[in-house]
Each structure stands twice: as structure tokens, then as C-alpha cells.
Amino acid sequence: MHLDTSDITILGVIQKNCRISLESLSEQCALSVPSVQRRLKRLRDNKVISSEVAIIDPEMVGFDMTFIVQVELEREALRQLDEFRKHVSKEPRVQQCYYVTGDADFVLICSAKNMRDFEDLTHQLFFDNANVRRFKTSVVMDRAKVGLQVPISE
């Protein structure tokens, strides 16, 4: 899909605030409200905008710990990779899952209420999964930067 300057402006603005009014967005893009509405619909329909969410501070809702987990699988056939993806996708404490190159097959970003909650998660995802060879965990000490904004330019 071709993105013009107005599309890029719209995407840049709504990445920072997806609750912006159509009127404010149209002013920032120098477009009419109906034009902005059409463009937003097209961007959503074409999956350029895949989701519009609220970012919640995990500590404010009782998830005091964040973990980065590298997972190495025994077998990497497509079926096993898909099974692992589906398994972790169902778990809400797994916030992000990346299939990667290097020593690990997957890198997960996980949240937990406390260490016992994380231990339960590891049993569910790793110890009870015969295809997990090993996993390595790092505990996040500080959230220096968190975001999902994509740097957009022409």
C-alpha cells in the first residue's frame, strides 16, 4: 500500500494519541474531517493500523515484575513452531513474543505479579512443554523505554 505525506502525518499523530478528535487530527494534517475519516478507514482496512490500544502501567495493576525470556526449542519444524506460538499467544502474561535468530528460537516479554506468579508461568509454558530444550530469564530492573511506535517517514 502506498502511503502519501498525509497518511504518514496521520499515522505519526495517532501513534502518540489514538484518542485525538477527528477535528484536531484534520487540523494537524491540513485535511477535511471526511478526508481524514476515509484515510483512517483505508489504513485500518489494509491493516496498516493493526490495533488501537491503551498502554497500562503494569505496576499500577499489580504486575510488579517484567521478564525477558529466551526460549530454545528441541525441534523447529513448522508444526512445533506454530504450536509454541499458539501456546504463548493464549497466555496474557506473555506480552510480546518474537521468533528470532541466534542462540534462542523465541524471545518473550512477560509480566508477573511476583516471583511465584512467574514460577507458575514457567511451569505452564516451559517445564510442561516437552519441546522446550531450555530457557534463560532476565529480570527487568527498570523500564527505561517502553513503546510500540514505528518511526514513519516517506
C-alpha atoms as a PDB file:
ATOM      1  CA  MET A   1       0.000   0.000   0.000  1.00  0.00           C
ATOM      2  CA  HIS A   2       1.345   3.426  -0.955  1.00  0.00           C
ATOM      3  CA  LEU A   3       1.448   5.957   1.886  1.00  0.00           C
ATOM      4  CA  ASP A   4       1.496   9.644   0.985  1.00  0.00           C
ATOM      5  CA  THR A   5       2.563  12.553   3.174  1.00  0.00           C
ATOM      6  CA  SER A   6      -0.934  12.941   4.677  1.00  0.00           C
ATOM      7  CA  ASP A   7      -1.103   9.224   5.572  1.00  0.00           C
ATOM      8  CA  ILE A   8       2.297   9.451   7.228  1.00  0.00           C
ATOM      9  CA  THR A   9       1.212  12.530   9.192  1.00  0.00           C
ATOM     10  CA  ILE A  10      -1.972  10.764  10.340  1.00  0.00           C
ATOM     11  CA  LEU A  11      -0.012   7.686  11.437  1.00  0.00           C
ATOM     12  CA  GLY A  12       2.562   9.782  13.283  1.00  0.00           C
ATOM     13  CA  VAL A  13      -0.123  11.700  15.184  1.00  0.00           C
ATOM     14  CA  ILE A  14      -2.312   8.739  16.141  1.00  0.00           C
ATOM     15  CA  GLN A  15       0.694   6.710  17.319  1.00  0.00           C
ATOM     16  CA  LYS A  16       1.147   9.320  20.017  1.00  0.00           C
ATOM     17  CA  ASN A  17      -2.559   9.707  20.804  1.00  0.00           C
ATOM     18  CA  CYS A  18      -5.141   7.436  19.202  1.00  0.00           C
ATOM     19  CA  ARG A  19      -7.912   9.256  21.081  1.00  0.00           C
ATOM     20  CA  ILE A  20      -7.312  12.538  19.276  1.00  0.00           C
ATOM     21  CA  SER A  21     -10.505  14.032  17.881  1.00  0.00           C
ATOM     22  CA  LEU A  22     -11.065  13.924  14.136  1.00  0.00           C
ATOM     23  CA  GLU A  23     -11.209  17.714  14.141  1.00  0.00           C
ATOM     24  CA  SER A  24      -7.779  18.049  15.767  1.00  0.00           C
ATOM     25  CA  LEU A  25      -6.346  15.377  13.520  1.00  0.00           C
ATOM     26  CA  SER A  26      -7.716  17.071  10.420  1.00  0.00           C
ATOM     27  CA  GLU A  27      -6.176  20.396  11.533  1.00  0.00           C
ATOM     28  CA  GLN A  28      -2.756  18.799  12.044  1.00  0.00           C
ATOM     29  CA  CYS A  29      -2.950  17.114   8.636  1.00  0.00           C
ATOM     30  CA  ALA A  30      -4.468  20.091   6.801  1.00  0.00           C
ATOM     31  CA  LEU A  31      -7.277  17.848   5.538  1.00  0.00           C
ATOM     32  CA  SER A  32     -11.037  17.883   5.934  1.00  0.00           C
ATOM     33  CA  VAL A  33     -12.650  15.678   8.581  1.00  0.00           C
ATOM     34  CA  PRO A  34     -14.294  13.427   5.929  1.00  0.00           C
ATOM     35  CA  SER A  35     -10.924  13.005   4.182  1.00  0.00           C
ATOM     36  CA  VAL A  36      -9.261  12.007   7.468  1.00  0.00           C
ATOM     37  CA  GLN A  37     -12.101   9.538   8.165  1.00  0.00           C
ATOM     38  CA  ARG A  38     -11.672   7.920   4.731  1.00  0.00           C
ATOM     39  CA  ARG A  39      -7.924   7.683   5.172  1.00  0.00           C
ATOM     40  CA  LEU A  40      -8.244   6.155   8.645  1.00  0.00           C
ATOM     41  CA  LYS A  41     -10.729   3.596   7.322  1.00  0.00           C
ATOM     42  CA  ARG A  42      -8.387   2.687   4.457  1.00  0.00           C
ATOM     43  CA  LEU A  43      -5.401   2.404   6.829  1.00  0.00           C
ATOM     44  CA  ARG A  44      -7.411   0.143   9.154  1.00  0.00           C
ATOM     45  CA  ASP A  45      -8.886  -1.951   6.326  1.00  0.00           C
ATOM     46  CA  ASN A  46      -5.403  -2.512   4.871  1.00  0.00           C
ATOM     47  CA  LYS A  47      -4.022  -3.475   8.319  1.00  0.00           C
ATOM     48  CA  VAL A  48      -1.517  -0.607   8.346  1.00  0.00           C
ATOM     49  CA  ILE A  49      -3.208   0.221  11.661  1.00  0.00           C
ATOM     50  CA  SER A  50      -3.388  -3.213  13.258  1.00  0.00           C
ATOM     51  CA  SER A  51      -4.708  -2.192  16.673  1.00  0.00           C
ATOM     52  CA  GLU A  52      -5.535   0.827  18.797  1.00  0.00           C
ATOM     53  CA  VAL A  53      -4.901   0.199  22.477  1.00  0.00           C
ATOM     54  CA  ALA A  54      -4.395   1.816  25.850  1.00  0.00           C
ATOM     55  CA  ILE A  55      -0.936   1.294  27.331  1.00  0.00           C
ATOM     56  CA  ILE A  56      -1.292   0.448  31.002  1.00  0.00           C
ATOM     57  CA  ASP A  57       1.480   0.692  33.574  1.00  0.00           C
ATOM     58  CA  PRO A  58       1.727  -2.931  34.793  1.00  0.00           C
ATOM     59  CA  GLU A  59       2.758  -1.922  38.312  1.00  0.00           C
ATOM     60  CA  MET A  60      -0.426   0.133  38.696  1.00  0.00           C
ATOM     61  CA  VAL A  61      -2.483  -3.056  38.194  1.00  0.00           C
ATOM     62  CA  GLY A  62      -0.394  -5.395  40.345  1.00  0.00           C
ATOM     63  CA  PHE A  63       2.102  -6.777  37.815  1.00  0.00           C
ATOM     64  CA  ASP A  64       5.262  -5.653  39.563  1.00  0.00           C
ATOM     65  CA  MET A  65       7.765  -7.757  37.628  1.00  0.00           C
ATOM     66  CA  THR A  66       8.797  -7.930  33.970  1.00  0.00           C
ATOM     67  CA  PHE A  67      10.950 -10.688  32.488  1.00  0.00           C
ATOM     68  CA  ILE A  68      12.775 -11.181  29.221  1.00  0.00           C
ATOM     69  CA  VAL A  69      12.878 -14.890  28.423  1.00  0.00           C
ATOM     70  CA  GLN A  70      14.935 -16.556  25.712  1.00  0.00           C
ATOM     71  CA  VAL A  71      13.498 -19.935  24.712  1.00  0.00           C
ATOM     72  CA  GLU A  72      15.292 -22.677  22.800  1.00  0.00           C
ATOM     73  CA  LEU A  73      13.176 -25.473  21.331  1.00  0.00           C
ATOM     74  CA  GLU A  74      14.174 -29.112  20.780  1.00  0.00           C
ATOM     75  CA  ARG A  75      12.626 -29.280  17.322  1.00  0.00           C
ATOM     76  CA  GLU A  76      11.979 -26.397  14.931  1.00  0.00           C
ATOM     77  CA  ALA A  77       9.643 -27.964  12.413  1.00  0.00           C
ATOM     78  CA  LEU A  78       6.858 -25.623  11.278  1.00  0.00           C
ATOM     79  CA  ARG A  79       4.295 -27.550  13.319  1.00  0.00           C
ATOM     80  CA  GLN A  80       6.310 -27.211  16.542  1.00  0.00           C
ATOM     81  CA  LEU A  81       6.971 -23.520  15.916  1.00  0.00           C
ATOM     82  CA  ASP A  82       3.260 -22.894  15.317  1.00  0.00           C
ATOM     83  CA  GLU A  83       2.303 -24.889  18.426  1.00  0.00           C
ATOM     84  CA  PHE A  84       4.666 -22.818  20.564  1.00  0.00           C
ATOM     85  CA  ARG A  85       3.381 -19.543  19.066  1.00  0.00           C
ATOM     86  CA  LYS A  86      -0.232 -20.558  19.721  1.00  0.00           C
ATOM     87  CA  HIS A  87       0.564 -21.694  23.258  1.00  0.00           C
ATOM     88  CA  VAL A  88       2.239 -18.429  24.284  1.00  0.00           C
ATOM     89  CA  SER A  89      -0.335 -16.316  22.412  1.00  0.00           C
ATOM     90  CA  LYS A  90      -3.060 -17.675  24.690  1.00  0.00           C
ATOM     91  CA  GLU A  91      -1.176 -16.603  27.831  1.00  0.00           C
ATOM     92  CA  PRO A  92      -1.974 -12.998  28.858  1.00  0.00           C
ATOM     93  CA  ARG A  93       1.198 -12.680  30.962  1.00  0.00           C
ATOM     94  CA  VAL A  94       3.206 -13.037  27.733  1.00  0.00           C
ATOM     95  CA  GLN A  95       3.061  -9.510  26.377  1.00  0.00           C
ATOM     96  CA  GLN A  96       5.289  -9.954  23.348  1.00  0.00           C
ATOM     97  CA  CYS A  97       6.716 -12.942  21.507  1.00  0.00           C
ATOM     98  CA  TYR A  98       9.417 -12.767  18.850  1.00  0.00           C
ATOM     99  CA  TYR A  99      10.728 -15.602  16.666  1.00  0.00           C
ATOM    100  CA  VAL A 100      14.437 -14.757  16.412  1.00  0.00           C
ATOM    101  CA  THR A 101      17.781 -15.849  15.013  1.00  0.00           C
ATOM    102  CA  GLY A 102      20.754 -16.695  17.228  1.00  0.00           C
ATOM    103  CA  ASP A 103      21.037 -18.910  20.294  1.00  0.00           C
ATOM    104  CA  ALA A 104      17.341 -18.712  21.159  1.00  0.00           C
ATOM    105  CA  ASP A 105      14.369 -19.531  18.959  1.00  0.00           C
ATOM    106  CA  PHE A 106      11.970 -17.150  20.701  1.00  0.00           C
ATOM    107  CA  VAL A 107      12.262 -14.113  22.945  1.00  0.00           C
ATOM    108  CA  LEU A 108       9.317 -13.374  25.216  1.00  0.00           C
ATOM    109  CA  ILE A 109       8.478 -10.292  27.252  1.00  0.00           C
ATOM    110  CA  CYS A 110       6.423 -11.434  30.240  1.00  0.00           C
ATOM    111  CA  SER A 111       4.751  -9.727  33.193  1.00  0.00           C
ATOM    112  CA  ALA A 112       4.065 -11.324  36.544  1.00  0.00           C
ATOM    113  CA  LYS A 113       2.639 -10.209  39.858  1.00  0.00           C
ATOM    114  CA  ASN A 114       5.600 -11.609  41.774  1.00  0.00           C
ATOM    115  CA  MET A 115       8.241 -14.316  41.553  1.00  0.00           C
ATOM    116  CA  ARG A 116       5.802 -17.102  42.485  1.00  0.00           C
ATOM    117  CA  ASP A 117       3.479 -15.984  39.674  1.00  0.00           C
ATOM    118  CA  PHE A 118       6.416 -16.099  37.250  1.00  0.00           C
ATOM    119  CA  GLU A 119       7.400 -19.545  38.510  1.00  0.00           C
ATOM    120  CA  ASP A 120       3.870 -20.749  37.784  1.00  0.00           C
ATOM    121  CA  LEU A 121       4.149 -19.257  34.296  1.00  0.00           C
ATOM    122  CA  THR A 122       7.451 -21.048  33.636  1.00  0.00           C
ATOM    123  CA  HIS A 123       5.916 -24.380  34.645  1.00  0.00           C
ATOM    124  CA  GLN A 124       2.953 -23.803  32.367  1.00  0.00           C
ATOM    125  CA  LEU A 125       4.933 -22.610  29.344  1.00  0.00           C
ATOM    126  CA  PHE A 126       8.280 -24.364  29.602  1.00  0.00           C
ATOM    127  CA  PHE A 127       8.540 -27.218  32.111  1.00  0.00           C
ATOM    128  CA  ASP A 128       5.285 -28.808  30.930  1.00  0.00           C
ATOM    129  CA  ASN A 129       6.323 -28.473  27.254  1.00  0.00           C
ATOM    130  CA  ALA A 130       8.454 -31.384  26.025  1.00  0.00           C
ATOM    131  CA  ASN A 131       9.632 -29.332  23.032  1.00  0.00           C
ATOM    132  CA  VAL A 132      11.327 -26.665  25.187  1.00  0.00           C
ATOM    133  CA  ARG A 133      15.020 -27.550  25.441  1.00  0.00           C
ATOM    134  CA  ARG A 134      15.917 -24.674  27.761  1.00  0.00           C
ATOM    135  CA  PHE A 135      15.028 -21.126  28.643  1.00  0.00           C
ATOM    136  CA  LYS A 136      17.049 -18.244  30.037  1.00  0.00           C
ATOM    137  CA  THR A 137      15.446 -15.451  32.019  1.00  0.00           C
ATOM    138  CA  SER A 138      16.500 -11.876  32.705  1.00  0.00           C
ATOM    139  CA  VAL A 139      14.615  -9.838  35.288  1.00  0.00           C
ATOM    140  CA  VAL A 140      13.899  -6.276  34.209  1.00  0.00           C
ATOM    141  CA  MET A 141      15.186  -3.878  36.855  1.00  0.00           C
ATOM    142  CA  ASP A 142      13.947  -0.642  35.244  1.00  0.00           C
ATOM    143  CA  ARG A 143      11.694   0.214  32.323  1.00  0.00           C
ATOM    144  CA  ALA A 144      13.959   2.742  30.621  1.00  0.00           C
ATOM    145  CA  LYS A 145      11.806   2.985  27.483  1.00  0.00           C
ATOM    146  CA  VAL A 146       8.589   1.252  26.540  1.00  0.00           C
ATOM    147  CA  GLY A 147       6.751   1.811  23.314  1.00  0.00           C
ATOM    148  CA  LEU A 148       5.429   0.384  20.117  1.00  0.00           C
ATOM    149  CA  GLN A 149       5.727   3.463  17.923  1.00  0.00           C
ATOM    150  CA  VAL A 150       7.158   2.838  14.464  1.00  0.00           C
ATOM    151  CA  PRO A 151       9.380   5.608  13.058  1.00  0.00           C
ATOM    152  CA  ILE A 152       7.491   6.646   9.955  1.00  0.00           C
ATOM    153  CA  SER A 153       8.893   8.634   7.052  1.00  0.00           C
ATOM    154  CA  GLU A 154       8.439   8.879   3.297  1.00  0.00           C
END
